[in-house]
N, C-alpha and C. Protein backbone atom coordinates (compact mmCIF):
# COMPACT_ATOMS: atom_id res chain seq x y z
N MET A 1 136.63 -6.08 167.41
CA MET A 1 137.13 -4.92 168.12
C MET A 1 138.00 -4.04 167.19
N LYS A 2 138.86 -4.70 166.41
CA LYS A 2 139.72 -3.94 165.49
C LYS A 2 138.89 -3.18 164.47
N LYS A 3 137.80 -3.80 164.01
CA LYS A 3 136.95 -3.13 163.03
C LYS A 3 136.28 -1.90 163.63
N ILE A 4 135.89 -1.98 164.89
CA ILE A 4 135.25 -0.84 165.56
C ILE A 4 136.24 0.30 165.70
N VAL A 5 137.46 -0.02 166.11
CA VAL A 5 138.49 1.01 166.26
C VAL A 5 138.81 1.64 164.90
N LEU A 6 138.93 0.81 163.88
CA LEU A 6 139.21 1.32 162.53
C LEU A 6 138.07 2.20 162.03
N LEU A 7 136.85 1.77 162.27
CA LEU A 7 135.68 2.55 161.86
C LEU A 7 135.64 3.89 162.59
N ALA A 8 135.91 3.86 163.89
CA ALA A 8 135.90 5.10 164.67
C ALA A 8 137.00 6.05 164.20
N ALA A 9 138.18 5.52 163.93
CA ALA A 9 139.29 6.35 163.46
C ALA A 9 138.97 6.95 162.09
N THR A 10 138.36 6.16 161.23
CA THR A 10 137.98 6.65 159.90
C THR A 10 136.94 7.75 160.01
N ALA A 11 135.95 7.54 160.87
CA ALA A 11 134.90 8.55 161.06
C ALA A 11 135.50 9.85 161.60
N LEU A 12 136.41 9.74 162.54
CA LEU A 12 137.05 10.94 163.10
C LEU A 12 137.87 11.67 162.04
N ALA A 13 138.61 10.92 161.23
CA ALA A 13 139.41 11.54 160.17
C ALA A 13 138.52 12.24 159.15
N LEU A 14 137.42 11.59 158.77
CA LEU A 14 136.50 12.21 157.81
C LEU A 14 135.85 13.45 158.38
N ALA A 15 135.47 13.40 159.65
CA ALA A 15 134.86 14.57 160.28
C ALA A 15 135.84 15.74 160.29
N GLN A 16 137.10 15.46 160.60
CA GLN A 16 138.10 16.52 160.61
C GLN A 16 138.32 17.06 159.20
N MET A 17 138.35 16.18 158.22
CA MET A 17 138.54 16.60 156.83
C MET A 17 137.40 17.51 156.39
N PHE A 18 136.17 17.14 156.69
CA PHE A 18 135.04 17.97 156.30
C PHE A 18 135.03 19.29 157.05
N GLN A 19 135.45 19.27 158.31
CA GLN A 19 135.52 20.51 159.09
C GLN A 19 136.53 21.46 158.44
N LEU A 20 137.70 20.95 158.07
CA LEU A 20 138.70 21.79 157.42
C LEU A 20 138.20 22.29 156.07
N ALA A 21 137.56 21.42 155.31
CA ALA A 21 137.07 21.80 153.99
C ALA A 21 136.02 22.90 154.09
N ASN A 22 135.16 22.82 155.08
CA ASN A 22 134.11 23.82 155.24
C ASN A 22 134.68 25.14 155.75
N ALA A 23 135.76 25.07 156.50
CA ALA A 23 136.31 26.27 157.11
C ALA A 23 137.31 26.99 156.20
N ALA A 24 137.73 26.36 155.12
CA ALA A 24 138.81 26.89 154.31
C ALA A 24 138.30 27.57 153.04
N ASP A 25 139.08 28.54 152.59
CA ASP A 25 138.79 29.30 151.37
C ASP A 25 139.89 28.98 150.35
N ILE A 26 139.57 28.15 149.38
CA ILE A 26 140.56 27.71 148.40
C ILE A 26 141.12 28.88 147.60
N LYS A 27 140.28 29.82 147.22
CA LYS A 27 140.74 30.98 146.43
C LYS A 27 141.74 31.81 147.22
N LYS A 28 141.45 32.04 148.50
CA LYS A 28 142.39 32.79 149.33
C LYS A 28 143.68 32.00 149.49
N GLY A 29 143.56 30.69 149.62
CA GLY A 29 144.75 29.85 149.71
C GLY A 29 145.63 29.97 148.48
N GLU A 30 145.00 30.01 147.31
CA GLU A 30 145.75 30.18 146.07
C GLU A 30 146.50 31.51 146.07
N GLU A 31 145.83 32.57 146.51
CA GLU A 31 146.48 33.88 146.58
C GLU A 31 147.67 33.86 147.52
N LEU A 32 147.51 33.22 148.68
CA LEU A 32 148.60 33.15 149.66
C LEU A 32 149.77 32.33 149.14
N VAL A 33 149.49 31.23 148.45
CA VAL A 33 150.55 30.40 147.88
C VAL A 33 151.31 31.19 146.81
N ASN A 34 150.60 31.90 145.95
CA ASN A 34 151.26 32.69 144.91
C ASN A 34 152.07 33.82 145.51
N LYS A 35 151.51 34.49 146.49
CA LYS A 35 152.21 35.60 147.15
C LYS A 35 153.43 35.09 147.92
N GLY A 36 153.31 33.91 148.51
CA GLY A 36 154.39 33.34 149.31
C GLY A 36 155.54 32.77 148.49
N GLY A 37 155.34 32.61 147.20
CA GLY A 37 156.41 32.12 146.34
C GLY A 37 156.71 30.64 146.51
N CYS A 38 155.71 29.86 146.86
CA CYS A 38 155.91 28.43 147.12
C CYS A 38 156.47 27.68 145.91
N ILE A 39 156.14 28.16 144.70
CA ILE A 39 156.60 27.46 143.50
C ILE A 39 158.12 27.56 143.33
N ALA A 40 158.75 28.52 144.00
CA ALA A 40 160.19 28.67 143.87
C ALA A 40 160.92 27.39 144.29
N CYS A 41 160.40 26.70 145.28
CA CYS A 41 161.02 25.45 145.75
C CYS A 41 160.23 24.21 145.37
N HIS A 42 158.90 24.32 145.41
CA HIS A 42 158.05 23.14 145.19
C HIS A 42 157.63 22.98 143.73
N GLY A 43 158.01 23.92 142.87
CA GLY A 43 157.79 23.80 141.44
C GLY A 43 156.40 24.20 140.99
N ALA A 44 156.28 24.39 139.69
CA ALA A 44 154.99 24.74 139.09
C ALA A 44 153.97 23.67 139.41
N GLY A 45 152.81 24.08 139.84
CA GLY A 45 151.77 23.12 140.21
C GLY A 45 152.01 22.48 141.55
N LEU A 46 153.09 22.86 142.21
CA LEU A 46 153.49 22.33 143.52
C LEU A 46 153.68 20.82 143.50
N ASP A 47 154.03 20.28 142.34
CA ASP A 47 154.28 18.83 142.25
C ASP A 47 155.59 18.51 141.53
N LYS A 48 156.42 19.54 141.34
CA LYS A 48 157.71 19.34 140.69
C LYS A 48 158.79 20.11 141.46
N PRO A 49 159.15 19.62 142.65
CA PRO A 49 160.13 20.35 143.46
C PRO A 49 161.49 20.46 142.78
N ILE A 50 162.22 21.50 143.15
CA ILE A 50 163.51 21.76 142.51
C ILE A 50 164.62 20.84 143.03
N ALA A 51 164.38 20.18 144.13
CA ALA A 51 165.37 19.25 144.70
C ALA A 51 164.64 17.96 145.12
N PRO A 52 165.32 16.83 145.01
CA PRO A 52 164.65 15.57 145.32
C PRO A 52 164.24 15.41 146.78
N ASN A 53 164.87 16.17 147.66
CA ASN A 53 164.50 16.07 149.08
C ASN A 53 163.39 17.05 149.47
N TYR A 54 162.88 17.82 148.54
CA TYR A 54 161.73 18.69 148.79
C TYR A 54 160.46 17.91 148.43
N PRO A 55 159.42 18.05 149.23
CA PRO A 55 158.22 17.24 148.96
C PRO A 55 157.36 17.76 147.82
N LYS A 56 156.72 16.81 147.16
CA LYS A 56 155.63 17.14 146.24
C LYS A 56 154.42 17.45 147.12
N LEU A 57 153.75 18.54 146.85
CA LEU A 57 152.63 18.93 147.70
C LEU A 57 151.27 18.68 147.07
N ALA A 58 151.15 18.90 145.78
CA ALA A 58 149.85 18.79 145.10
C ALA A 58 149.24 17.42 145.33
N GLY A 59 147.98 17.43 145.74
CA GLY A 59 147.26 16.19 145.94
C GLY A 59 147.40 15.57 147.31
N GLN A 60 148.22 16.16 148.17
CA GLN A 60 148.32 15.65 149.55
C GLN A 60 147.01 15.90 150.26
N TYR A 61 146.77 15.15 151.32
CA TYR A 61 145.56 15.35 152.12
C TYR A 61 145.59 16.72 152.79
N GLN A 62 144.45 17.39 152.78
CA GLN A 62 144.34 18.71 153.37
C GLN A 62 144.72 18.69 154.85
N SER A 63 144.24 17.71 155.59
CA SER A 63 144.54 17.66 157.02
C SER A 63 146.03 17.46 157.26
N TYR A 64 146.69 16.66 156.43
CA TYR A 64 148.13 16.45 156.55
C TYR A 64 148.88 17.76 156.30
N LEU A 65 148.52 18.44 155.23
CA LEU A 65 149.17 19.71 154.89
C LEU A 65 149.00 20.74 155.99
N PHE A 66 147.77 20.85 156.51
CA PHE A 66 147.49 21.81 157.57
C PHE A 66 148.35 21.53 158.80
N HIS A 67 148.40 20.28 159.23
CA HIS A 67 149.19 19.95 160.42
C HIS A 67 150.68 20.10 160.17
N ALA A 68 151.14 19.80 158.97
CA ALA A 68 152.55 19.99 158.64
C ALA A 68 152.92 21.47 158.72
N LEU A 69 152.07 22.33 158.16
CA LEU A 69 152.32 23.77 158.23
C LEU A 69 152.31 24.26 159.67
N GLN A 70 151.40 23.76 160.48
CA GLN A 70 151.36 24.13 161.90
C GLN A 70 152.65 23.71 162.60
N GLN A 71 153.15 22.54 162.25
CA GLN A 71 154.37 22.06 162.90
C GLN A 71 155.58 22.91 162.55
N TYR A 72 155.60 23.48 161.36
CA TYR A 72 156.69 24.39 161.02
C TYR A 72 156.63 25.66 161.87
N GLN A 73 155.44 26.01 162.34
CA GLN A 73 155.28 27.19 163.19
C GLN A 73 155.57 26.92 164.65
N ALA A 74 155.69 25.67 165.04
CA ALA A 74 155.85 25.31 166.46
C ALA A 74 157.05 26.02 167.06
N LYS A 75 156.81 26.72 168.15
CA LYS A 75 157.89 27.46 168.83
C LYS A 75 158.82 26.52 169.60
N HIS A 76 158.24 25.54 170.25
CA HIS A 76 159.02 24.61 171.08
C HIS A 76 158.95 23.23 170.45
N GLN A 77 159.84 22.99 169.52
CA GLN A 77 159.81 21.73 168.79
C GLN A 77 160.46 20.63 169.62
N THR A 78 159.89 19.46 169.52
CA THR A 78 160.40 18.28 170.22
C THR A 78 160.54 17.17 169.18
N PRO A 79 161.15 16.04 169.56
CA PRO A 79 161.22 14.93 168.61
C PRO A 79 159.83 14.42 168.19
N LEU A 80 158.81 14.69 169.00
CA LEU A 80 157.47 14.21 168.70
C LEU A 80 156.60 15.27 168.03
N TYR A 81 156.99 16.53 168.09
CA TYR A 81 156.17 17.57 167.48
C TYR A 81 157.07 18.66 166.93
N GLY A 82 156.76 19.10 165.75
CA GLY A 82 157.50 20.18 165.13
C GLY A 82 158.33 19.68 163.97
N ARG A 83 158.62 20.58 163.08
CA ARG A 83 159.45 20.26 161.92
C ARG A 83 160.57 21.29 161.90
N ASN A 84 161.77 20.82 162.02
CA ASN A 84 162.93 21.68 162.13
C ASN A 84 163.48 22.01 160.74
N ASN A 85 162.93 23.05 160.14
CA ASN A 85 163.39 23.50 158.83
C ASN A 85 163.31 25.02 158.84
N ALA A 86 164.47 25.66 158.87
CA ALA A 86 164.53 27.11 159.02
C ALA A 86 163.81 27.84 157.88
N ILE A 87 163.94 27.34 156.67
CA ILE A 87 163.30 28.02 155.53
C ILE A 87 161.78 27.97 155.67
N MET A 88 161.24 26.78 155.88
CA MET A 88 159.78 26.65 156.00
C MET A 88 159.25 27.35 157.25
N SER A 89 159.98 27.27 158.34
CA SER A 89 159.54 27.96 159.56
C SER A 89 159.43 29.46 159.31
N GLY A 90 160.40 30.01 158.58
CA GLY A 90 160.34 31.43 158.24
C GLY A 90 159.21 31.76 157.28
N MET A 91 158.96 30.85 156.34
CA MET A 91 157.90 31.09 155.35
C MET A 91 156.51 31.13 155.99
N VAL A 92 156.25 30.24 156.94
CA VAL A 92 154.90 30.13 157.50
C VAL A 92 154.70 30.99 158.75
N ALA A 93 155.75 31.62 159.24
CA ALA A 93 155.63 32.42 160.47
C ALA A 93 154.61 33.54 160.34
N GLN A 94 154.43 34.07 159.15
CA GLN A 94 153.54 35.21 158.92
C GLN A 94 152.06 34.85 158.91
N TYR A 95 151.74 33.55 158.82
CA TYR A 95 150.35 33.15 158.63
C TYR A 95 149.66 32.77 159.93
N ASN A 96 148.36 33.08 159.98
CA ASN A 96 147.54 32.65 161.12
C ASN A 96 146.91 31.29 160.79
N THR A 97 146.18 30.75 161.74
CA THR A 97 145.58 29.43 161.57
C THR A 97 144.65 29.37 160.36
N GLN A 98 143.84 30.39 160.17
CA GLN A 98 142.92 30.41 159.02
C GLN A 98 143.69 30.42 157.71
N ASP A 99 144.77 31.20 157.66
CA ASP A 99 145.61 31.22 156.45
C ASP A 99 146.15 29.82 156.14
N LEU A 100 146.62 29.13 157.18
CA LEU A 100 147.15 27.78 156.99
C LEU A 100 146.08 26.83 156.48
N GLN A 101 144.86 26.98 156.99
CA GLN A 101 143.75 26.15 156.50
C GLN A 101 143.46 26.45 155.03
N ASP A 102 143.49 27.72 154.67
CA ASP A 102 143.24 28.12 153.28
C ASP A 102 144.33 27.59 152.35
N ILE A 103 145.58 27.71 152.78
CA ILE A 103 146.70 27.21 151.98
C ILE A 103 146.59 25.70 151.80
N ALA A 104 146.31 25.00 152.88
CA ALA A 104 146.19 23.53 152.82
C ALA A 104 145.05 23.12 151.89
N ALA A 105 143.93 23.84 151.96
CA ALA A 105 142.79 23.51 151.10
C ALA A 105 143.14 23.71 149.63
N TYR A 106 143.83 24.79 149.33
CA TYR A 106 144.21 25.04 147.93
C TYR A 106 145.16 23.96 147.42
N ILE A 107 146.20 23.67 148.18
CA ILE A 107 147.18 22.68 147.73
C ILE A 107 146.53 21.31 147.57
N ALA A 108 145.64 20.96 148.49
CA ALA A 108 144.95 19.67 148.40
C ALA A 108 144.05 19.59 147.17
N SER A 109 143.59 20.74 146.70
CA SER A 109 142.70 20.75 145.52
C SER A 109 143.46 20.55 144.21
N LEU A 110 144.77 20.68 144.25
CA LEU A 110 145.58 20.53 143.04
C LEU A 110 145.74 19.06 142.67
N LYS A 111 145.80 18.80 141.39
CA LYS A 111 146.04 17.44 140.92
C LYS A 111 147.54 17.15 140.97
N GLY A 112 147.87 16.03 141.53
CA GLY A 112 149.26 15.61 141.59
C GLY A 112 149.38 14.16 141.20
N ASP A 113 150.59 13.65 141.22
CA ASP A 113 150.77 12.25 140.85
C ASP A 113 150.95 11.34 142.07
N LEU A 114 150.59 11.84 143.25
CA LEU A 114 150.65 11.02 144.45
C LEU A 114 149.42 10.13 144.52
N TYR A 115 149.60 8.94 145.04
CA TYR A 115 148.48 8.02 145.18
C TYR A 115 148.76 7.08 146.34
N ILE A 116 147.72 6.43 146.82
CA ILE A 116 147.86 5.44 147.87
C ILE A 116 147.99 4.08 147.20
N ARG A 117 149.07 3.42 147.49
CA ARG A 117 149.33 2.12 146.89
C ARG A 117 148.44 1.07 147.52
N ASP A 118 147.88 0.23 146.71
CA ASP A 118 147.04 -0.87 147.19
C ASP A 118 147.96 -1.95 147.75
N GLU A 119 147.91 -2.15 149.06
CA GLU A 119 148.79 -3.11 149.72
C GLU A 119 148.47 -4.56 149.35
N MET A 120 147.31 -4.80 148.79
CA MET A 120 146.89 -6.16 148.47
C MET A 120 147.54 -6.66 147.18
N HIS A 121 148.04 -5.77 146.35
CA HIS A 121 148.59 -6.20 145.05
C HIS A 121 150.05 -5.91 144.97
């Protein structure tokens, strides 16, 4: 039963990832990131933030980035949904859903030093 649930969850995640990848324009995302000045806080290549409490973005999953950006836009934030950060909320307020998909696709396409640790070793 656990294997079926895991397989179904994996299939759903992959389907969502491919849907986002097909719907997003990486080049437009790059333009939006450059215009938005994201490197001012997240550093060159978006993997060298200026402060240790700012996240490295390059190499993150596209679906994660997209949902994180959406949460910064959430009007009615709750403990279960939304990200309470005035700077980021202000930065992403100008973008529509397609823009957020494009931004997420571009950032996900960047090489970073993030990786998934093998829990077995």
